[in-house]
Amino acid sequence: MIVMGGIIGAGIFANPSEVAHRVHTPFLILGVWVVGGFIAMCGAFIWAELAARLPAAAGGQYVYLREAYHPAVAFMYGWGLLLITQTGGMAAVAVIFASYFRALTGSDWNSSVVASIALLTLTGINCFGARAGSNVQSVLMLLKIGAIAALVIIGFAVGQPATAGLESGALLGHPASFGLLKSIGAAMVPVAFAYGGWQTATFVAGEMRDARRDLSRGLVIGVGGVVVLYLAVNLACLNVLGPAGLDATTTPASDVMRIALGERGAQWIAFAITISTLGFLSQSMLTAPRVYYAMARDGLFFASVGKLSRRSGAPVVAIILQGLAAIIIACSGTYGEILNFEVTVDFIFFGMTAAALFILRRRQTGSPNAFGVYRTPGHPFTTFLFVLSCAGIVISAVIASPANSAIALCIMLAALPIYYFWSRFKRAQ
C-alpha cells in the first residue's frame, strides 16, 4: 500500500491523453505504459538495495547522493526538489485540478489562474499550521480508488475492445523511422511522470523487521499492481474513446463517463478527481517543506528555511517558497510542458542515484555490511539499463520541450555556485 500510494496520483486521469497526443495506435499507447512499468520495476529493485545498504538514511535519495558522491550533489538535489521536481509535480497536479474544475463548473477561467488560486490557498492554509486528519486523507484516497475502479469497469462494459487496433495490423501507424522513435520517446515523458513515486517506500526501510524480504516483496507487488491498474485505465479509455478520441481530449476520464452515463457521470468523476488532486496538493504542501526544514537544521540548506513560525510552529518560509515556485511553474505553460520541465531534472537524479549503487557496492565490498544485504536482481545489467533509460527520458524531454528543459537545467546547475559560496560564508563565520 505504501508503494502504490506513493505512485498513484491524479496523473493517471490525464496522462492517457498526453500519451495519445504523441503516439496514435493502441499498440504504441499501451506499449509505452508497459515499458514505463518495466523501468519503474528496475528502479524499485535498485532503491530496495540502496535502502538496505543505508537502512538508517533519513532522507532517502538525498542521503544516497551525499554518501556516494559529494554534499554538493546532495545540495543540488535538495535545491532541485524545492524549485523544480517537487514544485513541478505539484504544479502539474494543480493544472489537472484546473482542467477538471473547469469541466465540472463550466467556468471559462484560464487553467493557470485556477491552478494558481488552488496553490495559493493551500499555501496560506499550511502557513497557519493546518493539517488534514488521517480520516480525511483516508476518505480522499478511497474516493480516488473508487473513481479509478468505476472508470475501468464502465470503460470495459460500455466500449469496444481496444485490441481491435492490434488485430488489424495497425501496430505503428507509420513506417519505422527516427520521427517515430522521437514520438515514442516523447510519449515516455508523461508515462515516467505517472510511474514516479515508488522510491518513497524506501524511506520506511529502517522501520521494517526484515527489509531485505518485505521491501523487495512490497516493491514488486506494489509496482506490478500499479502497472496492471494503469494498463486497465488506458484500455478503458481506448475502448470508449479510441486513439483519435483520446488524442482529442485533455479530460479523458470525464469524457469516458460522459459517454457512458451522460453529464451526471462526467460531473461525478470530475468531482472525484478535483477532490483527489486537492488532497495530494495539501499533503505535498504539508510534508515536503519539512524536508527542507530538516536540511536547514542540519546546516545543509539556508538558515531561514529552517525557521518555524512562533504562532503556528510551521516552517513558513519553506512553505511560501515552495508555493510560489509551484505557482510560477503552473503559469509557465501547459500540463505537457510542465511535465518536461519536471521530468528532465527528476530523471537526471534518478539516473545518478541508480549509478550510486555501483559506487556503494565497491566501497562496501568486504565490509560486514556487504553481507546479508538485499541485492538487485540482474545487477549490473538491470541497473545499467535503468541508468540508460533515465538518460533516454531526459533526452526525450529536452527534445520535446527544449526551452522548459533548459530553464530547469539552468536552475539545477545554479545550485553549485550557491552551495560553494554558502559553504565559504559558513566557514568564515
Protein backbone atom coordinates (compact mmCIF):
# COMPACT_ATOMS: atom_id res chain seq x y z
CA MET A 1 0.00 0.00 0.00
CA ILE A 2 2.89 2.39 0.69
CA VAL A 3 4.37 1.69 -2.74
CA MET A 4 1.07 2.03 -4.59
CA GLY A 5 0.05 5.08 -2.59
CA GLY A 6 3.33 6.77 -3.49
CA ILE A 7 2.78 6.18 -7.21
CA ILE A 8 -0.91 6.64 -7.89
CA GLY A 9 -1.82 10.29 -8.14
CA ALA A 10 -4.04 12.40 -10.33
CA GLY A 11 -1.79 11.96 -13.36
CA ILE A 12 -3.43 8.71 -14.43
CA PHE A 13 -6.65 10.65 -15.09
CA ALA A 14 -4.89 12.96 -17.58
CA ASN A 15 -1.79 11.20 -18.88
CA PRO A 16 -3.57 8.70 -21.18
CA SER A 17 -4.45 11.62 -23.44
CA GLU A 18 -0.94 13.11 -23.11
CA VAL A 19 0.46 9.82 -24.42
CA ALA A 20 -2.13 9.70 -27.22
CA HIS A 21 -1.08 13.19 -28.31
CA ARG A 22 2.35 11.74 -29.13
CA VAL A 23 1.68 8.19 -30.36
CA HIS A 24 -1.53 7.22 -32.11
CA THR A 25 -2.12 3.46 -32.17
CA PRO A 26 -3.35 1.17 -29.37
CA PHE A 27 -0.17 -0.91 -29.64
CA LEU A 28 2.12 2.09 -29.09
CA ILE A 29 -0.10 3.70 -26.45
CA LEU A 30 -0.22 0.52 -24.36
CA GLY A 31 3.37 -0.37 -25.23
CA VAL A 32 4.91 2.76 -23.70
CA TRP A 33 2.96 2.12 -20.49
CA VAL A 34 4.37 -1.42 -20.36
CA VAL A 35 7.92 -0.14 -20.97
CA GLY A 36 7.44 2.54 -18.30
CA GLY A 37 6.30 -0.11 -15.85
CA PHE A 38 9.37 -2.23 -16.57
CA ILE A 39 11.66 0.76 -15.99
CA ALA A 40 9.88 1.52 -12.73
CA MET A 41 10.33 -2.10 -11.63
CA CYS A 42 14.08 -1.94 -12.34
CA GLY A 43 14.28 1.29 -10.33
CA ALA A 44 12.34 -0.26 -7.47
CA PHE A 45 14.89 -3.09 -7.20
CA ILE A 46 17.78 -0.60 -7.16
CA TRP A 47 16.22 1.59 -4.46
CA ALA A 48 15.49 -1.53 -2.39
CA GLU A 49 19.20 -2.37 -2.27
CA LEU A 50 20.19 1.23 -1.55
CA ALA A 51 17.72 1.32 1.35
CA ALA A 52 19.04 -2.00 2.67
CA ARG A 53 22.65 -0.77 2.48
CA LEU A 54 21.80 2.50 4.24
CA PRO A 55 18.79 1.47 6.37
CA ALA A 56 19.03 4.44 8.73
CA ALA A 57 19.20 7.00 5.90
CA ALA A 58 16.51 9.51 6.83
CA GLY A 59 16.01 11.43 3.62
CA GLY A 60 16.34 8.54 1.20
CA GLN A 61 17.57 9.75 -2.18
CA TYR A 62 19.23 12.83 -0.66
CA VAL A 63 21.41 10.64 1.58
CA TYR A 64 22.26 8.15 -1.19
CA LEU A 65 23.60 11.01 -3.33
CA ARG A 66 25.51 12.55 -0.44
CA GLU A 67 27.17 9.28 0.57
CA ALA A 68 28.04 8.18 -2.99
CA TYR A 69 29.19 11.49 -4.45
CA HIS A 70 29.59 14.73 -2.50
CA PRO A 71 27.45 17.01 -0.27
CA ALA A 72 27.32 19.47 -3.19
CA VAL A 73 25.45 16.90 -5.28
CA ALA A 74 23.03 16.28 -2.41
CA PHE A 75 22.55 20.03 -2.02
CA MET A 76 21.82 20.30 -5.75
CA TYR A 77 19.19 17.57 -5.35
CA GLY A 78 17.56 19.40 -2.43
CA TRP A 79 17.67 22.65 -4.38
CA GLY A 80 16.09 20.93 -7.38
CA LEU A 81 13.45 19.33 -5.16
CA LEU A 82 12.40 22.77 -3.91
CA LEU A 83 12.47 24.65 -7.21
CA ILE A 84 11.84 22.01 -9.88
CA THR A 85 10.85 18.44 -9.15
CA GLN A 86 8.58 18.68 -6.10
CA THR A 87 7.10 22.01 -7.11
CA GLY A 88 6.90 20.92 -10.76
CA GLY A 89 4.92 17.86 -9.76
CA MET A 90 2.61 19.99 -7.64
CA ALA A 91 2.16 22.46 -10.50
CA ALA A 92 1.29 19.63 -12.90
CA VAL A 93 -1.29 18.23 -10.49
CA ALA A 94 -2.70 21.73 -9.96
CA VAL A 95 -3.17 22.05 -13.73
CA ILE A 96 -5.04 18.72 -13.71
CA PHE A 97 -7.22 20.11 -10.94
CA ALA A 98 -7.89 23.20 -13.04
CA SER A 99 -8.90 21.14 -16.10
CA TYR A 100 -11.42 19.05 -14.18
CA PHE A 101 -12.62 22.03 -12.13
CA ARG A 102 -13.46 23.83 -15.36
CA ALA A 103 -15.19 20.73 -16.72
CA LEU A 104 -17.19 20.42 -13.50
CA THR A 105 -18.25 24.05 -13.16
CA GLY A 106 -18.32 25.15 -16.79
CA SER A 107 -16.01 28.03 -15.88
CA ASP A 108 -14.10 29.75 -18.69
CA TRP A 109 -11.28 30.84 -16.38
CA ASN A 110 -7.75 30.23 -17.59
CA SER A 111 -6.33 26.94 -16.27
CA SER A 112 -3.20 28.69 -14.94
CA VAL A 113 -5.37 31.09 -12.92
CA VAL A 114 -7.39 28.27 -11.37
CA ALA A 115 -4.23 26.27 -10.61
CA SER A 116 -2.56 29.32 -9.04
CA ILE A 117 -5.57 30.06 -6.84
CA ALA A 118 -5.59 26.45 -5.59
CA LEU A 119 -1.86 26.51 -4.82
CA LEU A 120 -2.04 29.94 -3.17
CA THR A 121 -4.96 28.89 -0.99
CA LEU A 122 -3.27 25.71 0.18
CA THR A 123 -0.01 27.59 0.79
CA GLY A 124 -1.84 30.06 3.02
CA ILE A 125 -3.67 27.33 4.92
CA ASN A 126 -0.49 25.39 5.64
CA CYS A 127 1.30 28.53 6.84
CA PHE A 128 -1.24 28.58 9.67
CA GLY A 129 -0.26 25.04 10.56
CA ALA A 130 -3.47 23.47 9.30
CA ARG A 131 -3.10 19.74 8.83
CA ALA A 132 -5.52 17.23 7.34
CA GLY A 133 -6.57 14.48 9.71
CA SER A 134 -5.84 10.87 8.91
CA ASN A 135 -9.55 10.15 8.46
CA VAL A 136 -9.85 12.90 5.84
CA GLN A 137 -6.81 11.60 3.97
CA SER A 138 -8.26 8.08 4.04
CA VAL A 139 -11.54 9.33 2.59
CA LEU A 140 -9.70 11.15 -0.21
CA MET A 141 -7.67 8.03 -1.04
CA LEU A 142 -10.79 5.83 -1.08
CA LEU A 143 -12.53 8.34 -3.32
CA LYS A 144 -9.61 8.21 -5.77
CA ILE A 145 -9.59 4.40 -5.78
CA GLY A 146 -13.35 4.37 -6.30
CA ALA A 147 -13.05 6.78 -9.23
CA ILE A 148 -10.37 4.62 -10.90
CA ALA A 149 -12.36 1.42 -10.34
CA ALA A 150 -15.54 2.99 -11.74
CA LEU A 151 -13.64 4.30 -14.78
CA VAL A 152 -12.18 0.86 -15.53
CA ILE A 153 -15.42 -1.09 -15.00
CA ILE A 154 -17.55 1.28 -17.07
CA GLY A 155 -14.89 1.52 -19.80
CA PHE A 156 -14.83 -2.24 -20.23
CA ALA A 157 -18.63 -2.55 -20.00
CA VAL A 158 -19.53 0.20 -22.47
CA GLY A 159 -16.69 0.47 -25.00
CA GLN A 160 -15.43 -1.66 -27.86
CA PRO A 161 -12.30 -3.76 -27.30
CA ALA A 162 -9.18 -1.72 -27.97
CA THR A 163 -7.45 -4.90 -29.16
CA ALA A 164 -9.25 -4.46 -32.50
CA GLY A 165 -6.50 -2.00 -33.41
CA LEU A 166 -3.91 -4.65 -32.65
CA GLU A 167 -5.64 -7.32 -34.72
CA SER A 168 -5.94 -5.05 -37.75
CA GLY A 169 -2.17 -4.83 -38.05
CA ALA A 170 -2.00 -1.08 -37.45
CA LEU A 171 0.68 -1.50 -34.83
CA LEU A 172 2.87 1.52 -35.51
CA GLY A 173 0.64 3.74 -37.64
CA HIS A 174 3.69 4.92 -39.61
CA PRO A 175 6.76 3.21 -41.07
CA ALA A 176 9.64 2.79 -38.64
CA SER A 177 11.73 5.96 -38.68
CA PHE A 178 13.61 8.40 -36.47
CA GLY A 179 10.45 10.52 -36.28
CA LEU A 180 8.50 7.57 -34.87
CA LEU A 181 11.26 6.89 -32.33
CA LYS A 182 11.17 10.56 -31.34
CA SER A 183 7.38 10.34 -30.81
CA ILE A 184 7.78 7.24 -28.65
CA GLY A 185 10.43 8.99 -26.58
CA ALA A 186 8.15 12.00 -26.12
CA ALA A 187 5.32 9.68 -25.03
CA MET A 188 7.60 8.21 -22.35
CA VAL A 189 7.76 11.58 -20.55
CA PRO A 190 4.17 11.58 -19.17
CA VAL A 191 4.46 7.83 -18.54
CA ALA A 192 7.62 8.35 -16.49
CA PHE A 193 5.86 11.09 -14.50
CA ALA A 194 2.87 8.83 -13.81
CA TYR A 195 5.06 5.99 -12.50
CA GLY A 196 7.13 8.28 -10.27
CA GLY A 197 6.84 7.82 -6.52
CA TRP A 198 7.79 4.18 -6.00
CA GLN A 199 11.11 5.31 -4.49
CA THR A 200 9.40 6.87 -1.45
CA ALA A 201 8.70 3.42 0.00
CA THR A 202 12.42 3.09 0.82
CA PHE A 203 12.05 5.79 3.46
CA VAL A 204 10.48 3.25 5.85
CA ALA A 205 13.13 0.54 5.31
CA GLY A 206 14.73 1.27 8.69
CA GLU A 207 11.45 0.52 10.47
CA MET A 208 10.85 -2.86 8.84
CA ARG A 209 11.55 -6.05 10.76
CA ASP A 210 13.02 -7.65 7.64
CA ALA A 211 13.66 -5.01 4.97
CA ARG A 212 15.53 -7.47 2.77
CA ARG A 213 12.41 -9.63 2.43
CA ASP A 214 9.47 -7.29 2.95
CA LEU A 215 10.69 -4.25 1.00
CA SER A 216 11.58 -6.28 -2.08
CA ARG A 217 8.21 -8.05 -1.99
CA GLY A 218 6.36 -4.80 -1.43
CA LEU A 219 8.11 -3.10 -4.32
CA VAL A 220 7.49 -5.98 -6.72
CA ILE A 221 3.83 -6.42 -5.78
CA GLY A 222 3.15 -2.69 -5.49
CA VAL A 223 4.77 -1.62 -8.77
CA GLY A 224 3.32 -4.66 -10.53
CA GLY A 225 -0.14 -3.79 -9.23
CA VAL A 226 0.19 -0.21 -10.49
CA VAL A 227 1.28 -1.44 -13.93
CA VAL A 228 -1.85 -3.61 -14.16
CA LEU A 229 -4.06 -0.77 -12.94
CA TYR A 230 -2.58 1.77 -15.35
CA LEU A 231 -2.95 -0.61 -18.29
CA ALA A 232 -6.58 -1.21 -17.29
CA VAL A 233 -7.29 2.55 -17.22
CA ASN A 234 -5.71 3.02 -20.65
CA LEU A 235 -7.63 0.06 -22.08
CA ALA A 236 -10.86 1.51 -20.69
CA CYS A 237 -10.15 4.90 -22.27
CA LEU A 238 -9.23 3.30 -25.60
CA ASN A 239 -12.33 1.13 -25.53
CA VAL A 240 -14.64 4.12 -25.19
CA LEU A 241 -12.79 6.96 -26.93
CA GLY A 242 -10.46 5.19 -29.35
CA PRO A 243 -6.98 6.54 -30.14
CA ALA A 244 -8.35 9.58 -32.03
CA GLY A 245 -10.80 10.49 -29.28
CA LEU A 246 -8.14 10.06 -26.63
CA ASP A 247 -5.85 12.35 -28.62
CA ALA A 248 -8.58 15.00 -28.97
CA THR A 249 -9.28 15.46 -25.24
CA THR A 250 -7.47 16.75 -22.17
CA THR A 251 -10.01 15.25 -19.73
CA PRO A 252 -10.24 11.59 -20.78
CA ALA A 253 -11.85 10.34 -17.57
CA SER A 254 -14.71 12.85 -17.81
CA ASP A 255 -15.24 12.03 -21.50
CA VAL A 256 -15.44 8.30 -20.80
CA MET A 257 -18.01 8.81 -18.05
CA ARG A 258 -19.96 11.32 -20.17
CA ILE A 259 -20.33 8.80 -23.00
CA ALA A 260 -21.27 6.02 -20.59
CA LEU A 261 -23.53 7.83 -18.10
CA GLY A 262 -24.17 11.28 -19.57
CA GLU A 263 -23.40 14.60 -17.93
CA ARG A 264 -24.12 13.27 -14.45
CA GLY A 265 -21.38 10.66 -14.82
CA ALA A 266 -18.92 13.27 -16.14
CA GLN A 267 -19.66 15.55 -13.21
CA TRP A 268 -19.24 12.72 -10.72
CA ILE A 269 -15.80 11.72 -11.99
CA ALA A 270 -14.70 15.37 -12.32
CA PHE A 271 -15.71 15.99 -8.70
CA ALA A 272 -13.84 12.90 -7.51
CA ILE A 273 -10.69 13.95 -9.38
CA THR A 274 -10.76 17.55 -8.15
CA ILE A 275 -11.06 16.37 -4.54
CA SER A 276 -8.30 13.82 -5.14
CA THR A 277 -5.93 16.42 -6.56
CA LEU A 278 -6.60 18.80 -3.69
CA GLY A 279 -5.80 16.01 -1.25
CA PHE A 280 -2.49 15.33 -2.99
CA LEU A 281 -1.58 19.02 -3.12
CA SER A 282 -2.45 19.53 0.53
CA GLN A 283 -0.32 16.58 1.55
CA SER A 284 2.61 17.81 -0.60
CA MET A 285 2.34 21.31 0.84
CA LEU A 286 2.42 19.86 4.31
CA THR A 287 5.15 17.23 4.09
CA ALA A 288 7.78 18.42 1.59
CA PRO A 289 8.67 21.67 3.41
CA ARG A 290 9.61 19.57 6.44
CA VAL A 291 12.38 18.05 4.30
CA TYR A 292 13.80 21.50 3.51
CA TYR A 293 13.41 22.44 7.17
CA ALA A 294 15.34 19.35 8.28
CA MET A 295 18.09 20.06 5.76
CA ALA A 296 18.42 23.61 7.04
CA ARG A 297 18.55 22.45 10.66
CA ASP A 298 21.37 20.07 9.68
CA GLY A 299 23.26 23.00 8.17
CA LEU A 300 22.70 21.82 4.61
CA PHE A 301 20.26 24.48 3.47
CA PHE A 302 19.62 28.17 4.02
CA ALA A 303 19.06 29.02 7.68
CA SER A 304 15.88 31.00 7.01
CA VAL A 305 14.23 27.88 5.61
CA GLY A 306 14.75 26.21 8.98
CA LYS A 307 12.86 28.83 10.98
CA LEU A 308 9.50 27.95 12.50
CA SER A 309 6.62 30.33 13.00
CA ARG A 310 6.17 31.19 16.69
CA ARG A 311 2.41 31.22 16.25
CA SER A 312 1.77 28.09 14.19
CA GLY A 313 5.00 26.11 14.55
CA ALA A 314 5.09 25.67 10.75
CA PRO A 315 8.18 26.25 8.54
CA VAL A 316 6.51 29.25 6.90
CA VAL A 317 9.48 30.34 4.75
CA ALA A 318 9.83 26.85 3.25
CA ILE A 319 6.09 26.60 2.62
CA ILE A 320 5.91 30.02 0.94
CA LEU A 321 8.98 29.33 -1.20
CA GLN A 322 7.52 26.02 -2.33
CA GLY A 323 4.09 27.54 -3.02
CA LEU A 324 5.46 30.47 -5.02
CA ALA A 325 7.72 28.19 -7.06
CA ALA A 326 4.78 25.90 -7.85
CA ILE A 327 2.61 28.87 -8.89
CA ILE A 328 5.32 30.22 -11.21
CA ILE A 329 5.71 26.80 -12.83
CA ALA A 330 1.92 26.35 -13.15
CA CYS A 331 1.70 29.68 -15.01
CA SER A 332 4.66 28.90 -17.24
CA GLY A 333 2.98 26.52 -19.64
CA THR A 334 0.59 23.68 -20.33
CA TYR A 335 0.44 20.39 -18.48
CA GLY A 336 2.62 18.68 -21.10
CA GLU A 337 5.25 21.43 -20.93
CA ILE A 338 5.35 21.25 -17.14
CA LEU A 339 5.95 17.50 -17.36
CA ASN A 340 9.04 18.10 -19.49
CA PHE A 341 10.24 20.76 -17.02
CA GLU A 342 9.87 18.44 -14.03
CA VAL A 343 10.86 15.12 -15.58
CA THR A 344 14.11 16.49 -17.08
CA VAL A 345 15.71 17.13 -13.68
CA ASP A 346 13.93 14.33 -11.80
CA PHE A 347 15.34 11.65 -14.07
CA ILE A 348 18.83 13.12 -14.02
CA PHE A 349 18.86 12.50 -10.28
CA PHE A 350 17.17 9.10 -10.71
CA GLY A 351 19.99 8.08 -13.05
CA MET A 352 22.68 9.44 -10.71
CA THR A 353 21.11 7.68 -7.72
CA ALA A 354 20.98 4.37 -9.57
CA ALA A 355 24.64 4.80 -10.60
CA ALA A 356 25.42 5.36 -6.92
CA LEU A 357 24.77 1.64 -6.40
CA PHE A 358 27.97 0.84 -8.33
CA ILE A 359 29.93 3.20 -6.07
CA LEU A 360 28.45 1.96 -2.80
CA ARG A 361 28.94 -1.69 -3.74
CA ARG A 362 32.60 -1.08 -4.50
CA ARG A 363 33.15 0.80 -1.23
CA GLN A 364 31.37 -1.80 0.89
CA THR A 365 32.99 -4.87 -0.69
CA GLY A 366 34.48 -6.98 2.07
CA SER A 367 32.85 -4.97 4.85
CA PRO A 368 30.43 -6.55 7.33
CA ASN A 369 27.60 -4.51 5.82
CA ALA A 370 28.18 -6.10 2.42
CA PHE A 371 26.84 -9.47 3.52
CA GLY A 372 23.21 -10.35 4.02
CA VAL A 373 22.08 -7.26 2.12
CA TYR A 374 19.23 -7.36 -0.39
CA ARG A 375 20.80 -7.41 -3.86
CA THR A 376 19.28 -6.01 -7.06
CA PRO A 377 18.22 -8.83 -9.43
CA GLY A 378 20.20 -8.77 -12.66
CA HIS A 379 22.76 -6.20 -11.47
CA PRO A 380 24.78 -4.76 -13.16
CA PHE A 381 22.71 -5.23 -16.32
CA THR A 382 19.35 -4.07 -14.94
CA THR A 383 20.98 -1.15 -13.14
CA PHE A 384 22.83 -0.08 -16.28
CA LEU A 385 19.59 -0.43 -18.28
CA PHE A 386 17.78 1.79 -15.78
CA VAL A 387 20.51 4.44 -16.00
CA LEU A 388 20.33 4.36 -19.81
CA SER A 389 16.51 4.59 -19.66
CA CYS A 390 16.76 7.66 -17.43
CA ALA A 391 19.17 9.24 -19.89
CA GLY A 392 16.79 8.45 -22.74
CA ILE A 393 13.83 10.00 -20.91
CA VAL A 394 15.87 13.14 -20.16
CA ILE A 395 16.91 13.45 -23.81
CA SER A 396 13.31 12.93 -24.94
CA ALA A 397 12.09 15.62 -22.54
CA VAL A 398 14.74 18.06 -23.81
CA ILE A 399 13.81 17.37 -27.45
CA ALA A 400 10.08 17.65 -26.75
CA SER A 401 10.40 20.96 -24.88
CA PRO A 402 13.90 22.45 -25.16
CA ALA A 403 13.03 25.83 -23.65
CA ASN A 404 11.41 24.46 -20.48
CA SER A 405 14.10 21.80 -20.11
CA ALA A 406 16.86 24.41 -20.49
CA ILE A 407 15.29 26.56 -17.77
CA ALA A 408 15.08 23.55 -15.45
CA LEU A 409 18.70 22.59 -16.10
CA CYS A 410 19.92 26.15 -15.51
CA ILE A 411 18.06 26.31 -12.20
CA MET A 412 19.55 22.96 -11.18
CA LEU A 413 23.13 23.94 -12.09
CA ALA A 414 22.77 27.28 -10.31
CA ALA A 415 22.83 25.28 -7.07
CA LEU A 416 26.56 24.55 -7.39
CA PRO A 417 27.94 28.12 -7.16
CA ILE A 418 25.36 28.88 -4.49
CA TYR A 419 26.48 25.84 -2.49
CA TYR A 420 30.18 26.76 -2.63
CA PHE A 421 29.51 30.42 -1.87
CA TRP A 422 27.31 29.42 1.06
CA SER A 423 29.91 26.90 2.33
CA ARG A 424 32.66 29.53 2.34
CA PHE A 425 30.38 32.01 4.04
CA LYS A 426 29.56 29.47 6.77
CA ARG A 427 33.25 28.66 7.32
CA ALA A 428 34.09 32.38 7.60
CA GLN A 429 31.57 32.89 10.39
